[in-house]
């Protein structure tokens, strides 16, 4: 079992920045891939960024060049640095971790971009 806890969401003005954190605990050695997804009301959950075990990254088209995913193994924590935020980035952001057998999800953290 893997447990994930997100933090760092909040209200920010357009053009501002936020950093989300995802703390992993439990059987973390079984994790292959970690990532961030987001979901806004009335929309499907969409990929934001993925970080594979070999440190390769994949970003959703809408966040390329603005968001950066990273992981600090010493703290068992993954981060999402979000810059140049836009109102359309408003959503609940979910942390995800996958093993060979299943995916795990955090509870989500709200990010609201508004003036």
N, C-alpha and C. Protein backbone atom coordinates (compact mmCIF):
# COMPACT_ATOMS: atom_id res chain seq x y z
N UNK A 1 0.83 -1.19 0.00
CA UNK A 1 0.00 0.00 0.00
C UNK A 1 0.87 1.24 0.00
N UNK A 2 0.37 2.25 -0.71
CA UNK A 2 1.05 3.55 -0.77
C UNK A 2 0.03 4.61 -0.39
N UNK A 3 0.44 5.53 0.45
CA UNK A 3 -0.40 6.65 0.83
C UNK A 3 0.20 7.94 0.27
N UNK A 4 -0.67 8.81 -0.23
CA UNK A 4 -0.24 10.07 -0.84
C UNK A 4 -1.01 11.23 -0.21
N UNK A 5 -0.30 12.28 0.15
CA UNK A 5 -0.94 13.45 0.74
C UNK A 5 -0.43 14.70 0.02
N UNK A 6 -1.36 15.41 -0.60
CA UNK A 6 -1.00 16.64 -1.30
C UNK A 6 -1.10 17.85 -0.37
N UNK A 7 -0.36 18.89 -0.72
CA UNK A 7 -0.46 20.16 -0.02
C UNK A 7 0.03 21.26 -0.96
N UNK A 8 -0.26 22.51 -0.58
CA UNK A 8 0.27 23.64 -1.33
C UNK A 8 -0.73 24.36 -2.22
N UNK A 9 -1.95 23.87 -2.31
CA UNK A 9 -2.94 24.55 -3.13
C UNK A 9 -3.38 25.85 -2.49
N UNK A 10 -4.16 26.62 -3.25
CA UNK A 10 -4.67 27.87 -2.72
C UNK A 10 -5.15 28.79 -3.81
N UNK A 11 -5.32 30.04 -3.44
CA UNK A 11 -5.78 31.08 -4.37
C UNK A 11 -4.58 31.92 -4.81
N UNK A 12 -4.46 32.13 -6.11
CA UNK A 12 -3.35 32.91 -6.64
C UNK A 12 -3.86 33.74 -7.81
N UNK A 13 -3.26 34.89 -8.01
CA UNK A 13 -3.66 35.76 -9.11
C UNK A 13 -3.08 35.25 -10.43
N UNK A 14 -3.73 35.57 -11.54
CA UNK A 14 -3.15 35.21 -12.85
C UNK A 14 -1.73 35.74 -12.99
N UNK A 15 -0.86 34.88 -13.53
CA UNK A 15 0.54 35.22 -13.66
C UNK A 15 1.38 34.82 -12.47
N UNK A 16 0.74 34.41 -11.39
CA UNK A 16 1.45 34.04 -10.18
C UNK A 16 1.95 32.61 -10.22
N UNK A 17 2.53 32.19 -9.08
CA UNK A 17 3.13 30.86 -8.97
C UNK A 17 2.64 30.16 -7.71
N UNK A 18 2.65 28.84 -7.78
CA UNK A 18 2.38 27.98 -6.62
C UNK A 18 3.26 26.74 -6.75
N UNK A 19 3.57 26.14 -5.61
CA UNK A 19 4.24 24.86 -5.62
C UNK A 19 3.43 23.85 -4.83
N UNK A 20 3.04 22.79 -5.50
CA UNK A 20 2.33 21.70 -4.85
C UNK A 20 3.32 20.64 -4.39
N UNK A 21 3.00 20.00 -3.28
CA UNK A 21 3.81 18.90 -2.77
C UNK A 21 2.94 17.65 -2.62
N UNK A 22 3.57 16.51 -2.79
CA UNK A 22 2.90 15.23 -2.59
C UNK A 22 3.84 14.34 -1.78
N UNK A 23 3.47 14.09 -0.54
CA UNK A 23 4.28 13.25 0.34
C UNK A 23 3.80 11.80 0.24
N UNK A 24 4.73 10.91 -0.08
CA UNK A 24 4.41 9.49 -0.21
C UNK A 24 4.89 8.73 1.02
N UNK A 25 4.10 7.75 1.43
CA UNK A 25 4.49 6.89 2.53
C UNK A 25 4.00 5.48 2.26
N UNK A 26 4.44 4.55 3.09
CA UNK A 26 4.06 3.16 2.88
C UNK A 26 5.10 2.44 2.07
N UNK A 27 4.68 1.60 1.15
CA UNK A 27 5.59 0.76 0.38
C UNK A 27 6.12 1.53 -0.84
N UNK A 28 6.88 2.59 -0.58
CA UNK A 28 7.29 3.50 -1.66
C UNK A 28 8.30 2.88 -2.61
N UNK A 29 8.98 1.83 -2.21
CA UNK A 29 9.95 1.20 -3.10
C UNK A 29 9.29 0.52 -4.28
N UNK A 30 7.99 0.29 -4.20
CA UNK A 30 7.26 -0.35 -5.30
C UNK A 30 6.78 0.66 -6.35
N UNK A 31 6.96 1.95 -6.08
CA UNK A 31 6.48 2.98 -7.01
C UNK A 31 7.35 3.04 -8.25
N UNK A 32 6.71 2.99 -9.43
CA UNK A 32 7.42 3.14 -10.69
C UNK A 32 7.30 4.55 -11.25
N UNK A 33 6.09 5.06 -11.24
CA UNK A 33 5.82 6.37 -11.83
C UNK A 33 4.99 7.20 -10.87
N UNK A 34 5.30 8.48 -10.83
CA UNK A 34 4.47 9.42 -10.08
C UNK A 34 4.06 10.55 -10.99
N UNK A 35 2.96 11.20 -10.63
CA UNK A 35 2.51 12.27 -11.50
C UNK A 35 1.42 13.11 -10.88
N UNK A 36 1.04 14.12 -11.62
CA UNK A 36 -0.04 15.03 -11.23
C UNK A 36 -1.11 15.02 -12.30
N UNK A 37 -2.35 14.99 -11.85
CA UNK A 37 -3.51 15.13 -12.71
C UNK A 37 -4.38 16.24 -12.12
N UNK A 38 -5.29 16.75 -12.92
CA UNK A 38 -6.20 17.77 -12.42
C UNK A 38 -7.59 17.57 -13.01
N UNK A 39 -8.57 18.08 -12.27
CA UNK A 39 -9.95 17.98 -12.72
C UNK A 39 -10.71 19.22 -12.31
N UNK A 40 -11.35 19.84 -13.29
CA UNK A 40 -12.20 20.99 -13.01
C UNK A 40 -13.65 20.56 -13.17
N UNK A 41 -14.60 21.31 -12.58
CA UNK A 41 -16.02 20.92 -12.63
C UNK A 41 -16.50 20.72 -14.06
N UNK A 42 -17.17 19.61 -14.28
CA UNK A 42 -17.72 19.32 -15.59
C UNK A 42 -16.73 18.77 -16.59
N UNK A 43 -15.48 18.57 -16.17
CA UNK A 43 -14.44 18.08 -17.08
C UNK A 43 -13.88 16.76 -16.60
N UNK A 44 -13.26 16.04 -17.52
CA UNK A 44 -12.61 14.80 -17.13
C UNK A 44 -11.25 15.10 -16.49
N UNK A 45 -10.77 14.14 -15.71
CA UNK A 45 -9.44 14.29 -15.12
C UNK A 45 -8.41 14.26 -16.25
N UNK A 46 -7.47 15.21 -16.22
CA UNK A 46 -6.48 15.29 -17.29
C UNK A 46 -5.06 15.24 -16.74
N UNK A 47 -4.17 14.75 -17.58
CA UNK A 47 -2.76 14.68 -17.23
C UNK A 47 -2.16 16.07 -17.13
N UNK A 48 -1.41 16.29 -16.05
CA UNK A 48 -0.62 17.52 -15.93
C UNK A 48 0.85 17.20 -16.19
N UNK A 49 1.39 16.26 -15.44
CA UNK A 49 2.81 15.90 -15.59
C UNK A 49 3.06 14.52 -15.00
N UNK A 50 4.01 13.81 -15.61
CA UNK A 50 4.40 12.49 -15.16
C UNK A 50 5.90 12.45 -14.99
N UNK A 51 6.36 11.78 -13.94
CA UNK A 51 7.79 11.59 -13.69
C UNK A 51 8.04 10.10 -13.52
N UNK A 52 8.78 9.53 -14.47
CA UNK A 52 9.04 8.10 -14.42
C UNK A 52 10.21 7.80 -13.49
N UNK A 53 10.38 6.51 -13.23
CA UNK A 53 11.46 6.10 -12.32
C UNK A 53 12.83 6.54 -12.86
N UNK A 54 12.98 6.55 -14.19
CA UNK A 54 14.26 6.94 -14.78
C UNK A 54 14.38 8.45 -14.93
N UNK A 55 13.44 9.18 -14.33
CA UNK A 55 13.46 10.65 -14.27
C UNK A 55 13.02 11.30 -15.58
N UNK A 56 12.55 10.54 -16.54
CA UNK A 56 11.98 11.18 -17.73
C UNK A 56 10.64 11.79 -17.36
N UNK A 57 10.32 12.89 -18.03
CA UNK A 57 9.11 13.62 -17.72
C UNK A 57 8.21 13.74 -18.94
N UNK A 58 6.94 13.83 -18.68
CA UNK A 58 5.93 14.06 -19.70
C UNK A 58 4.97 15.12 -19.18
N UNK A 59 4.65 16.10 -20.02
CA UNK A 59 3.76 17.18 -19.61
C UNK A 59 2.55 17.25 -20.53
N UNK A 60 1.42 17.67 -19.95
CA UNK A 60 0.27 17.97 -20.77
C UNK A 60 0.55 19.20 -21.62
N UNK A 61 -0.04 19.25 -22.80
CA UNK A 61 0.25 20.35 -23.72
C UNK A 61 -0.06 21.72 -23.13
N UNK A 62 -1.08 21.79 -22.31
CA UNK A 62 -1.51 23.09 -21.78
C UNK A 62 -0.58 23.64 -20.71
N UNK A 63 0.33 22.82 -20.19
CA UNK A 63 1.21 23.30 -19.11
C UNK A 63 2.68 23.30 -19.50
N UNK A 64 3.00 22.82 -20.68
CA UNK A 64 4.41 22.77 -21.11
C UNK A 64 5.03 24.15 -21.07
N UNK A 65 6.22 24.22 -20.50
CA UNK A 65 6.93 25.48 -20.40
C UNK A 65 6.56 26.32 -19.20
N UNK A 66 5.51 25.92 -18.49
CA UNK A 66 5.08 26.69 -17.31
C UNK A 66 5.19 25.88 -16.02
N UNK A 67 4.97 24.59 -16.10
CA UNK A 67 4.99 23.72 -14.92
C UNK A 67 6.23 22.82 -14.97
N UNK A 68 6.73 22.49 -13.77
CA UNK A 68 7.87 21.59 -13.66
C UNK A 68 7.61 20.57 -12.57
N UNK A 69 7.76 19.30 -12.92
CA UNK A 69 7.59 18.23 -11.95
C UNK A 69 8.97 17.78 -11.47
N UNK A 70 9.06 17.48 -10.18
CA UNK A 70 10.34 17.01 -9.63
C UNK A 70 10.05 16.10 -8.44
N UNK A 71 11.12 15.43 -8.00
CA UNK A 71 10.96 14.49 -6.89
C UNK A 71 12.21 14.52 -6.05
N UNK A 72 12.03 14.58 -4.73
CA UNK A 72 13.14 14.55 -3.80
C UNK A 72 13.05 13.25 -3.02
N UNK A 73 13.86 12.28 -3.41
CA UNK A 73 13.76 10.95 -2.82
C UNK A 73 14.04 10.96 -1.31
N UNK A 74 14.93 11.83 -0.89
CA UNK A 74 15.28 11.86 0.54
C UNK A 74 14.08 12.21 1.41
N UNK A 75 13.13 12.92 0.82
CA UNK A 75 11.94 13.30 1.58
C UNK A 75 10.70 12.55 1.12
N UNK A 76 10.89 11.60 0.19
CA UNK A 76 9.75 10.85 -0.36
C UNK A 76 8.65 11.79 -0.82
N UNK A 77 9.05 12.86 -1.46
CA UNK A 77 8.10 13.90 -1.84
C UNK A 77 8.27 14.28 -3.30
N UNK A 78 7.14 14.49 -3.95
CA UNK A 78 7.12 14.97 -5.33
C UNK A 78 6.56 16.38 -5.33
N UNK A 79 7.03 17.18 -6.27
CA UNK A 79 6.62 18.57 -6.33
C UNK A 79 6.08 18.91 -7.73
N UNK A 80 5.25 19.94 -7.77
CA UNK A 80 4.83 20.52 -9.03
C UNK A 80 4.96 22.03 -8.89
N UNK A 81 5.97 22.59 -9.54
CA UNK A 81 6.15 24.03 -9.56
C UNK A 81 5.32 24.59 -10.71
N UNK A 82 4.41 25.48 -10.38
CA UNK A 82 3.50 26.04 -11.37
C UNK A 82 3.76 27.54 -11.49
N UNK A 83 4.18 27.97 -12.65
CA UNK A 83 4.45 29.38 -12.92
C UNK A 83 3.51 29.91 -14.00
N UNK A 84 3.43 31.22 -14.08
CA UNK A 84 2.59 31.87 -15.10
C UNK A 84 1.18 31.27 -15.11
N UNK A 85 0.60 31.17 -13.95
CA UNK A 85 -0.71 30.52 -13.82
C UNK A 85 -1.79 31.32 -14.53
N UNK A 86 -2.74 30.58 -15.09
CA UNK A 86 -3.86 31.15 -15.83
C UNK A 86 -5.17 30.73 -15.16
N UNK A 87 -6.23 31.50 -15.37
CA UNK A 87 -7.53 31.09 -14.79
C UNK A 87 -7.94 29.68 -15.20
N UNK A 88 -7.58 29.25 -16.40
CA UNK A 88 -7.95 27.91 -16.84
C UNK A 88 -7.16 26.80 -16.15
N UNK A 89 -6.17 27.17 -15.33
CA UNK A 89 -5.47 26.18 -14.52
C UNK A 89 -6.25 25.85 -13.25
N UNK A 90 -7.32 26.58 -13.00
CA UNK A 90 -8.14 26.32 -11.82
C UNK A 90 -8.70 24.90 -11.87
N UNK A 91 -8.45 24.13 -10.81
CA UNK A 91 -8.88 22.75 -10.75
C UNK A 91 -8.48 22.15 -9.41
N UNK A 92 -8.96 20.95 -9.16
CA UNK A 92 -8.43 20.14 -8.07
C UNK A 92 -7.28 19.32 -8.65
N UNK A 93 -6.13 19.41 -8.01
CA UNK A 93 -4.93 18.71 -8.47
C UNK A 93 -4.71 17.47 -7.61
N UNK A 94 -4.51 16.34 -8.30
CA UNK A 94 -4.35 15.05 -7.63
C UNK A 94 -2.95 14.50 -7.88
N UNK A 95 -2.38 13.96 -6.84
CA UNK A 95 -1.12 13.24 -6.93
C UNK A 95 -1.42 11.78 -7.23
N UNK A 96 -0.60 11.18 -8.08
CA UNK A 96 -0.78 9.77 -8.46
C UNK A 96 0.54 9.04 -8.36
N UNK A 97 0.48 7.81 -7.90
CA UNK A 97 1.65 6.93 -7.90
C UNK A 97 1.22 5.57 -8.43
N UNK A 98 2.03 5.00 -9.33
CA UNK A 98 1.67 3.70 -9.89
C UNK A 98 2.74 2.67 -9.58
N UNK A 99 2.28 1.46 -9.29
CA UNK A 99 3.15 0.31 -9.12
C UNK A 99 2.83 -0.68 -10.24
N UNK A 100 3.41 -1.86 -10.18
CA UNK A 100 3.12 -2.84 -11.24
C UNK A 100 1.69 -3.33 -11.17
N UNK A 101 1.03 -3.15 -10.02
CA UNK A 101 -0.29 -3.74 -9.85
C UNK A 101 -1.43 -2.73 -9.84
N UNK A 102 -1.15 -1.46 -9.48
CA UNK A 102 -2.27 -0.53 -9.38
C UNK A 102 -1.78 0.91 -9.29
N UNK A 103 -2.77 1.82 -9.35
CA UNK A 103 -2.50 3.24 -9.15
C UNK A 103 -3.05 3.66 -7.79
N UNK A 104 -2.36 4.62 -7.19
CA UNK A 104 -2.81 5.22 -5.94
C UNK A 104 -3.03 6.70 -6.18
N UNK A 105 -3.99 7.26 -5.45
CA UNK A 105 -4.33 8.67 -5.61
C UNK A 105 -4.39 9.36 -4.26
N UNK A 106 -4.00 10.63 -4.26
CA UNK A 106 -4.18 11.46 -3.09
C UNK A 106 -5.60 12.01 -3.05
N UNK A 107 -5.87 12.81 -2.02
CA UNK A 107 -7.23 13.32 -1.83
C UNK A 107 -7.48 14.57 -2.67
N UNK A 108 -6.45 15.17 -3.21
CA UNK A 108 -6.60 16.35 -4.05
C UNK A 108 -6.40 17.64 -3.29
N UNK A 109 -5.92 18.65 -3.99
CA UNK A 109 -5.76 19.98 -3.41
C UNK A 109 -6.27 21.00 -4.43
N UNK A 110 -7.04 21.96 -3.94
CA UNK A 110 -7.68 22.94 -4.83
C UNK A 110 -6.70 24.04 -5.19
N UNK A 111 -6.64 24.34 -6.48
CA UNK A 111 -5.88 25.49 -6.98
C UNK A 111 -6.87 26.40 -7.70
N UNK A 112 -6.93 27.64 -7.26
CA UNK A 112 -7.81 28.62 -7.88
C UNK A 112 -7.00 29.80 -8.36
N UNK A 113 -7.11 30.10 -9.65
CA UNK A 113 -6.39 31.23 -10.24
C UNK A 113 -7.42 32.28 -10.61
N UNK A 114 -7.39 33.37 -9.88
CA UNK A 114 -8.41 34.41 -10.07
C UNK A 114 -7.90 35.73 -9.53
N UNK A 115 -8.35 36.81 -10.16
CA UNK A 115 -8.01 38.14 -9.67
C UNK A 115 -9.10 38.66 -8.74
